N, C-alpha and C. Protein backbone atom coordinates (compact mmCIF):
# COMPACT_ATOMS: atom_id res chain seq x y z
N MET A 1 43.32 -15.99 12.54
CA MET A 1 41.94 -15.78 12.98
C MET A 1 41.90 -15.82 14.48
N LYS A 2 42.71 -14.99 15.11
CA LYS A 2 42.79 -14.99 16.57
C LYS A 2 41.86 -13.93 17.17
N GLN A 3 41.13 -14.32 18.18
CA GLN A 3 40.35 -13.40 18.99
C GLN A 3 39.44 -12.48 18.19
N ARG A 4 38.60 -13.03 17.37
CA ARG A 4 37.66 -12.25 16.59
C ARG A 4 36.25 -12.81 16.79
N PRO A 5 35.77 -12.91 18.05
CA PRO A 5 34.48 -13.53 18.26
C PRO A 5 33.26 -12.79 17.69
N ILE A 6 33.35 -11.47 17.66
CA ILE A 6 32.21 -10.72 17.09
C ILE A 6 32.12 -10.97 15.58
N LEU A 7 33.25 -10.97 14.90
CA LEU A 7 33.27 -11.27 13.47
C LEU A 7 32.79 -12.67 13.18
N ILE A 8 33.31 -13.64 13.94
CA ILE A 8 32.90 -15.04 13.74
C ILE A 8 31.42 -15.22 14.00
N SER A 9 30.91 -14.60 15.05
CA SER A 9 29.45 -14.69 15.37
C SER A 9 28.60 -14.05 14.28
N ALA A 10 29.05 -12.92 13.74
CA ALA A 10 28.30 -12.26 12.67
C ALA A 10 28.29 -13.13 11.42
N ILE A 11 29.40 -13.75 11.11
CA ILE A 11 29.50 -14.61 9.93
C ILE A 11 28.61 -15.86 10.09
N ILE A 12 28.64 -16.45 11.26
CA ILE A 12 27.79 -17.64 11.52
C ILE A 12 26.32 -17.27 11.43
N LEU A 13 25.96 -16.14 12.01
CA LEU A 13 24.57 -15.67 11.95
C LEU A 13 24.16 -15.41 10.52
N THR A 14 25.03 -14.80 9.73
CA THR A 14 24.75 -14.56 8.32
C THR A 14 24.49 -15.85 7.56
N LEU A 15 25.33 -16.87 7.78
CA LEU A 15 25.16 -18.14 7.08
C LEU A 15 23.87 -18.84 7.51
N ILE A 16 23.54 -18.78 8.79
CA ILE A 16 22.30 -19.39 9.27
C ILE A 16 21.09 -18.72 8.64
N VAL A 17 21.08 -17.37 8.63
CA VAL A 17 19.95 -16.63 8.05
C VAL A 17 19.86 -16.95 6.55
N GLU A 18 20.97 -16.98 5.85
CA GLU A 18 20.96 -17.26 4.42
C GLU A 18 20.41 -18.66 4.12
N LEU A 19 20.82 -19.64 4.89
CA LEU A 19 20.35 -21.00 4.70
C LEU A 19 18.84 -21.12 5.00
N ILE A 20 18.39 -20.44 6.04
CA ILE A 20 16.96 -20.45 6.37
C ILE A 20 16.18 -19.78 5.24
N LEU A 21 16.68 -18.68 4.70
CA LEU A 21 15.99 -18.02 3.61
C LEU A 21 15.92 -18.90 2.36
N ILE A 22 16.98 -19.60 2.07
CA ILE A 22 17.00 -20.49 0.92
C ILE A 22 15.91 -21.56 1.09
N ILE A 23 15.84 -22.12 2.27
CA ILE A 23 14.85 -23.19 2.53
C ILE A 23 13.40 -22.62 2.45
N LEU A 24 13.19 -21.45 3.06
CA LEU A 24 11.84 -20.86 3.05
C LEU A 24 11.40 -20.49 1.64
N VAL A 25 12.30 -19.86 0.89
CA VAL A 25 11.95 -19.49 -0.47
C VAL A 25 11.72 -20.72 -1.36
N TYR A 26 12.55 -21.74 -1.17
CA TYR A 26 12.39 -22.98 -1.92
C TYR A 26 11.05 -23.62 -1.63
N ASN A 27 10.65 -23.63 -0.38
CA ASN A 27 9.36 -24.23 0.00
C ASN A 27 8.20 -23.42 -0.54
N LYS A 28 8.35 -22.11 -0.69
CA LYS A 28 7.25 -21.27 -1.16
C LYS A 28 7.21 -21.16 -2.67
N VAL A 29 8.36 -20.98 -3.31
CA VAL A 29 8.42 -20.72 -4.74
C VAL A 29 8.87 -21.93 -5.56
N GLY A 30 9.67 -22.80 -4.97
CA GLY A 30 10.22 -23.92 -5.68
C GLY A 30 11.63 -23.58 -6.17
N THR A 31 12.02 -24.19 -7.30
CA THR A 31 13.38 -24.05 -7.80
C THR A 31 13.58 -22.79 -8.61
N GLU A 32 12.55 -21.98 -8.77
CA GLU A 32 12.64 -20.79 -9.63
C GLU A 32 13.73 -19.82 -9.18
N ARG A 33 13.85 -19.55 -7.90
CA ARG A 33 14.85 -18.59 -7.42
C ARG A 33 16.08 -19.25 -6.82
N LEU A 34 16.13 -20.57 -6.87
CA LEU A 34 17.25 -21.29 -6.27
C LEU A 34 18.62 -20.92 -6.89
N PRO A 35 18.73 -20.78 -8.23
CA PRO A 35 20.04 -20.42 -8.78
C PRO A 35 20.57 -19.08 -8.27
N SER A 36 19.71 -18.06 -8.17
CA SER A 36 20.20 -16.77 -7.69
C SER A 36 20.57 -16.83 -6.21
N GLN A 37 19.80 -17.62 -5.44
CA GLN A 37 20.14 -17.76 -4.02
C GLN A 37 21.44 -18.53 -3.80
N ILE A 38 21.64 -19.56 -4.58
CA ILE A 38 22.90 -20.29 -4.50
C ILE A 38 24.07 -19.40 -4.94
N GLY A 39 23.84 -18.53 -5.92
CA GLY A 39 24.84 -17.57 -6.32
C GLY A 39 25.21 -16.59 -5.20
N ARG A 40 24.18 -16.09 -4.52
CA ARG A 40 24.42 -15.17 -3.38
C ARG A 40 25.20 -15.88 -2.29
N LEU A 41 24.81 -17.13 -1.98
CA LEU A 41 25.52 -17.88 -0.96
C LEU A 41 26.96 -18.13 -1.34
N THR A 42 27.20 -18.43 -2.59
CA THR A 42 28.55 -18.69 -3.09
C THR A 42 29.42 -17.44 -2.95
N ILE A 43 28.88 -16.27 -3.35
CA ILE A 43 29.61 -15.04 -3.21
C ILE A 43 29.96 -14.80 -1.76
N GLN A 44 29.00 -14.99 -0.87
CA GLN A 44 29.26 -14.79 0.55
C GLN A 44 30.33 -15.73 1.06
N LEU A 45 30.24 -17.01 0.65
CA LEU A 45 31.26 -17.97 1.11
C LEU A 45 32.68 -17.60 0.61
N ILE A 46 32.76 -17.14 -0.62
CA ILE A 46 34.06 -16.72 -1.15
C ILE A 46 34.60 -15.54 -0.34
N LEU A 47 33.74 -14.57 -0.07
CA LEU A 47 34.19 -13.40 0.73
C LEU A 47 34.53 -13.82 2.16
N ILE A 48 33.77 -14.71 2.76
CA ILE A 48 34.02 -15.17 4.12
C ILE A 48 35.37 -15.90 4.18
N ILE A 49 35.65 -16.77 3.22
CA ILE A 49 36.94 -17.47 3.18
C ILE A 49 38.08 -16.47 3.02
N TRP A 50 37.85 -15.45 2.18
CA TRP A 50 38.86 -14.39 1.98
C TRP A 50 39.11 -13.66 3.29
N VAL A 51 38.05 -13.30 4.00
CA VAL A 51 38.18 -12.57 5.28
C VAL A 51 38.92 -13.39 6.30
N LEU A 52 38.58 -14.67 6.40
CA LEU A 52 39.14 -15.53 7.44
C LEU A 52 40.58 -15.95 7.13
N SER A 53 40.95 -15.96 5.88
CA SER A 53 42.31 -16.44 5.52
C SER A 53 43.30 -15.35 5.20
N SER A 54 42.84 -14.10 5.09
CA SER A 54 43.74 -13.05 4.68
C SER A 54 43.95 -12.06 5.83
N LYS A 55 45.13 -11.42 5.82
CA LYS A 55 45.39 -10.37 6.79
C LYS A 55 44.94 -9.02 6.26
N SER A 56 44.59 -8.97 4.99
CA SER A 56 44.13 -7.74 4.35
C SER A 56 42.68 -7.46 4.76
N ASN A 57 42.32 -6.20 4.81
CA ASN A 57 40.97 -5.83 5.15
C ASN A 57 40.05 -5.64 3.93
N VAL A 58 40.58 -5.95 2.73
CA VAL A 58 39.81 -5.79 1.52
C VAL A 58 38.59 -6.70 1.54
N GLY A 59 38.81 -7.98 1.88
CA GLY A 59 37.71 -8.92 1.95
C GLY A 59 36.67 -8.52 2.98
N LEU A 60 37.14 -8.01 4.10
CA LEU A 60 36.24 -7.53 5.16
C LEU A 60 35.40 -6.38 4.66
N PHE A 61 36.04 -5.44 3.95
CA PHE A 61 35.33 -4.33 3.39
C PHE A 61 34.30 -4.78 2.34
N LEU A 62 34.68 -5.72 1.52
CA LEU A 62 33.77 -6.21 0.49
C LEU A 62 32.58 -7.00 1.09
N LEU A 63 32.84 -7.79 2.14
CA LEU A 63 31.76 -8.55 2.80
C LEU A 63 30.80 -7.57 3.49
N ALA A 64 31.32 -6.59 4.17
CA ALA A 64 30.47 -5.58 4.82
C ALA A 64 29.70 -4.80 3.77
N GLY A 65 30.38 -4.41 2.71
CA GLY A 65 29.73 -3.69 1.60
C GLY A 65 28.64 -4.51 0.95
N TYR A 66 28.88 -5.79 0.77
CA TYR A 66 27.88 -6.69 0.19
C TYR A 66 26.58 -6.63 1.00
N HIS A 67 26.71 -6.70 2.32
CA HIS A 67 25.52 -6.67 3.16
C HIS A 67 24.84 -5.31 3.16
N ILE A 68 25.59 -4.27 3.21
CA ILE A 68 24.99 -2.93 3.21
C ILE A 68 24.29 -2.65 1.88
N VAL A 69 24.96 -2.99 0.78
CA VAL A 69 24.35 -2.79 -0.54
C VAL A 69 23.11 -3.68 -0.70
N SER A 70 23.15 -4.91 -0.20
CA SER A 70 21.98 -5.79 -0.24
C SER A 70 20.83 -5.17 0.50
N GLY A 71 21.11 -4.61 1.65
CA GLY A 71 20.07 -3.95 2.43
C GLY A 71 19.48 -2.73 1.69
N ILE A 72 20.34 -1.95 1.08
CA ILE A 72 19.89 -0.76 0.35
C ILE A 72 19.07 -1.18 -0.85
N PHE A 73 19.53 -2.18 -1.60
CA PHE A 73 18.76 -2.66 -2.76
C PHE A 73 17.43 -3.28 -2.31
N GLY A 74 17.42 -3.84 -1.10
CA GLY A 74 16.18 -4.42 -0.58
C GLY A 74 15.12 -3.37 -0.34
N LEU A 75 15.51 -2.11 -0.15
CA LEU A 75 14.53 -1.04 0.06
C LEU A 75 13.59 -0.88 -1.14
N SER A 76 14.13 -1.16 -2.33
CA SER A 76 13.28 -0.95 -3.53
C SER A 76 12.72 -2.28 -4.05
N SER A 77 12.89 -3.36 -3.30
CA SER A 77 12.38 -4.65 -3.78
C SER A 77 10.86 -4.75 -3.54
N LYS A 78 10.28 -5.73 -4.19
CA LYS A 78 8.84 -5.91 -4.14
C LYS A 78 8.38 -6.31 -2.74
N GLY A 79 9.16 -7.04 -1.99
CA GLY A 79 8.73 -7.52 -0.68
C GLY A 79 9.15 -6.60 0.48
N SER A 80 9.65 -5.41 0.16
CA SER A 80 10.13 -4.54 1.22
C SER A 80 9.02 -3.97 2.11
N ASP A 81 7.77 -4.04 1.66
CA ASP A 81 6.67 -3.53 2.44
C ASP A 81 6.25 -4.51 3.53
N GLU A 82 6.56 -5.78 3.34
CA GLU A 82 6.20 -6.80 4.32
C GLU A 82 7.16 -6.75 5.50
N LEU A 83 6.73 -7.26 6.62
CA LEU A 83 7.55 -7.25 7.84
C LEU A 83 8.85 -8.01 7.67
N LEU A 84 8.78 -9.20 7.05
CA LEU A 84 9.98 -10.00 6.84
C LEU A 84 10.98 -9.25 5.94
N GLY A 85 10.48 -8.57 4.92
CA GLY A 85 11.34 -7.78 4.05
C GLY A 85 12.04 -6.68 4.79
N GLN A 86 11.32 -6.01 5.67
CA GLN A 86 11.91 -4.92 6.47
C GLN A 86 12.94 -5.47 7.44
N ILE A 87 12.65 -6.62 8.04
CA ILE A 87 13.60 -7.24 8.96
C ILE A 87 14.87 -7.61 8.21
N LEU A 88 14.77 -8.16 7.01
CA LEU A 88 15.94 -8.56 6.27
C LEU A 88 16.78 -7.35 5.80
N ILE A 89 16.07 -6.25 5.47
CA ILE A 89 16.79 -5.03 5.12
C ILE A 89 17.62 -4.55 6.31
N GLY A 90 16.98 -4.50 7.47
CA GLY A 90 17.66 -4.11 8.68
C GLY A 90 18.79 -5.03 9.05
N PHE A 91 18.54 -6.35 8.88
CA PHE A 91 19.58 -7.34 9.20
C PHE A 91 20.81 -7.11 8.38
N HIS A 92 20.62 -6.94 7.06
CA HIS A 92 21.77 -6.78 6.16
C HIS A 92 22.58 -5.53 6.50
N ILE A 93 21.88 -4.42 6.77
CA ILE A 93 22.57 -3.19 7.08
C ILE A 93 23.30 -3.31 8.43
N ILE A 94 22.63 -3.83 9.43
CA ILE A 94 23.23 -3.97 10.75
C ILE A 94 24.41 -4.95 10.72
N ILE A 95 24.26 -6.11 10.06
CA ILE A 95 25.31 -7.10 10.05
C ILE A 95 26.50 -6.57 9.26
N GLY A 96 26.27 -5.76 8.22
CA GLY A 96 27.38 -5.14 7.50
C GLY A 96 28.16 -4.20 8.37
N ILE A 97 27.47 -3.43 9.16
CA ILE A 97 28.13 -2.51 10.08
C ILE A 97 28.89 -3.28 11.16
N VAL A 98 28.29 -4.32 11.71
CA VAL A 98 28.95 -5.14 12.72
C VAL A 98 30.21 -5.79 12.16
N ILE A 99 30.12 -6.32 10.95
CA ILE A 99 31.28 -6.98 10.33
C ILE A 99 32.41 -5.96 10.16
N TYR A 100 32.10 -4.80 9.64
CA TYR A 100 33.14 -3.82 9.37
C TYR A 100 33.76 -3.27 10.64
N PHE A 101 32.93 -3.03 11.67
CA PHE A 101 33.45 -2.43 12.93
C PHE A 101 33.62 -3.46 14.03
N HIS A 102 33.88 -4.71 13.71
CA HIS A 102 34.00 -5.75 14.74
C HIS A 102 35.14 -5.46 15.69
N ASP A 103 36.25 -4.93 15.19
CA ASP A 103 37.39 -4.60 16.08
C ASP A 103 37.00 -3.56 17.13
N TRP A 104 36.32 -2.53 16.70
CA TRP A 104 35.89 -1.46 17.58
C TRP A 104 34.91 -1.99 18.63
N ILE A 105 33.96 -2.83 18.16
CA ILE A 105 32.98 -3.42 19.10
C ILE A 105 33.68 -4.31 20.13
N GLU A 106 34.61 -5.12 19.68
CA GLU A 106 35.34 -5.99 20.60
C GLU A 106 36.16 -5.18 21.62
N ASN A 107 36.74 -4.08 21.17
CA ASN A 107 37.50 -3.21 22.09
C ASN A 107 36.54 -2.57 23.10
N LYS A 108 35.36 -2.13 22.68
CA LYS A 108 34.43 -1.45 23.57
C LYS A 108 33.84 -2.40 24.63
N ILE A 109 33.62 -3.63 24.25
CA ILE A 109 33.04 -4.58 25.25
C ILE A 109 34.13 -5.33 26.02
N GLY A 110 35.38 -5.04 25.71
CA GLY A 110 36.47 -5.58 26.51
C GLY A 110 36.98 -6.94 26.08
N ILE A 111 36.63 -7.37 24.89
CA ILE A 111 37.13 -8.68 24.42
C ILE A 111 38.57 -8.57 23.98
N LYS A 112 38.91 -7.45 23.39
CA LYS A 112 40.28 -7.21 22.89
C LYS A 112 40.82 -5.92 23.50
N LYS A 113 42.07 -5.93 23.83
CA LYS A 113 42.69 -4.71 24.38
C LYS A 113 43.34 -3.93 23.27
N THR A 114 43.16 -2.61 23.29
CA THR A 114 43.77 -1.75 22.25
C THR A 114 45.25 -1.53 22.52
N SER A 115 45.67 -1.73 23.76
CA SER A 115 47.07 -1.48 24.10
C SER A 115 48.00 -2.63 23.70
N ASP A 116 47.45 -3.70 23.19
CA ASP A 116 48.24 -4.83 22.74
C ASP A 116 49.04 -4.45 21.52
N ASN A 117 50.33 -4.57 21.58
CA ASN A 117 51.18 -4.29 20.42
C ASN A 117 51.32 -5.51 19.55
N ASN A 118 50.96 -6.68 20.05
CA ASN A 118 51.14 -7.93 19.31
C ASN A 118 49.81 -8.42 18.74
N VAL A 119 48.90 -7.53 18.43
CA VAL A 119 47.63 -7.92 17.87
C VAL A 119 47.87 -8.30 16.41
N SER A 120 47.46 -9.51 16.04
CA SER A 120 47.61 -9.95 14.66
C SER A 120 46.28 -10.36 14.11
N TYR A 121 46.11 -10.14 12.86
CA TYR A 121 44.85 -10.47 12.19
C TYR A 121 45.05 -11.60 11.27
C-alpha cells in the first residue's frame, strides 16, 4: 500500500459518508433499514480490505464498479428527486471513477512518477 494517497482518501471519504448515512437513516427511520445498510457497509469493507491487501486490480475494479452501479441504481430510486438523493448519486459515480483511475490522477497531479520502474502496488 505504498504511495496511494488518492485511493486512501477516496476510501476514507466513502467510509465517512456511509457511516453518516447510516446514522441519518437510523435517526429518521429507525432499525427498519439498518440490516441492508450494515450489509452494504460490510460489502464495502470486504472490498476495501481486498483492495488494500492484494496486488491484483480485481478488488479495485469491483469496488469502483460497486460505487458506479450504486449511483446508477440510485437514479431510479424513490429519493432520487430530492437534492440529497442527487448528491449521493453523483458521489457514488464520481468516487467510483476516482477509485478506478487513482493511479492516473496521482500521475497527473505529480504524486507518483510514471517513469518509476520500481512502482509496486
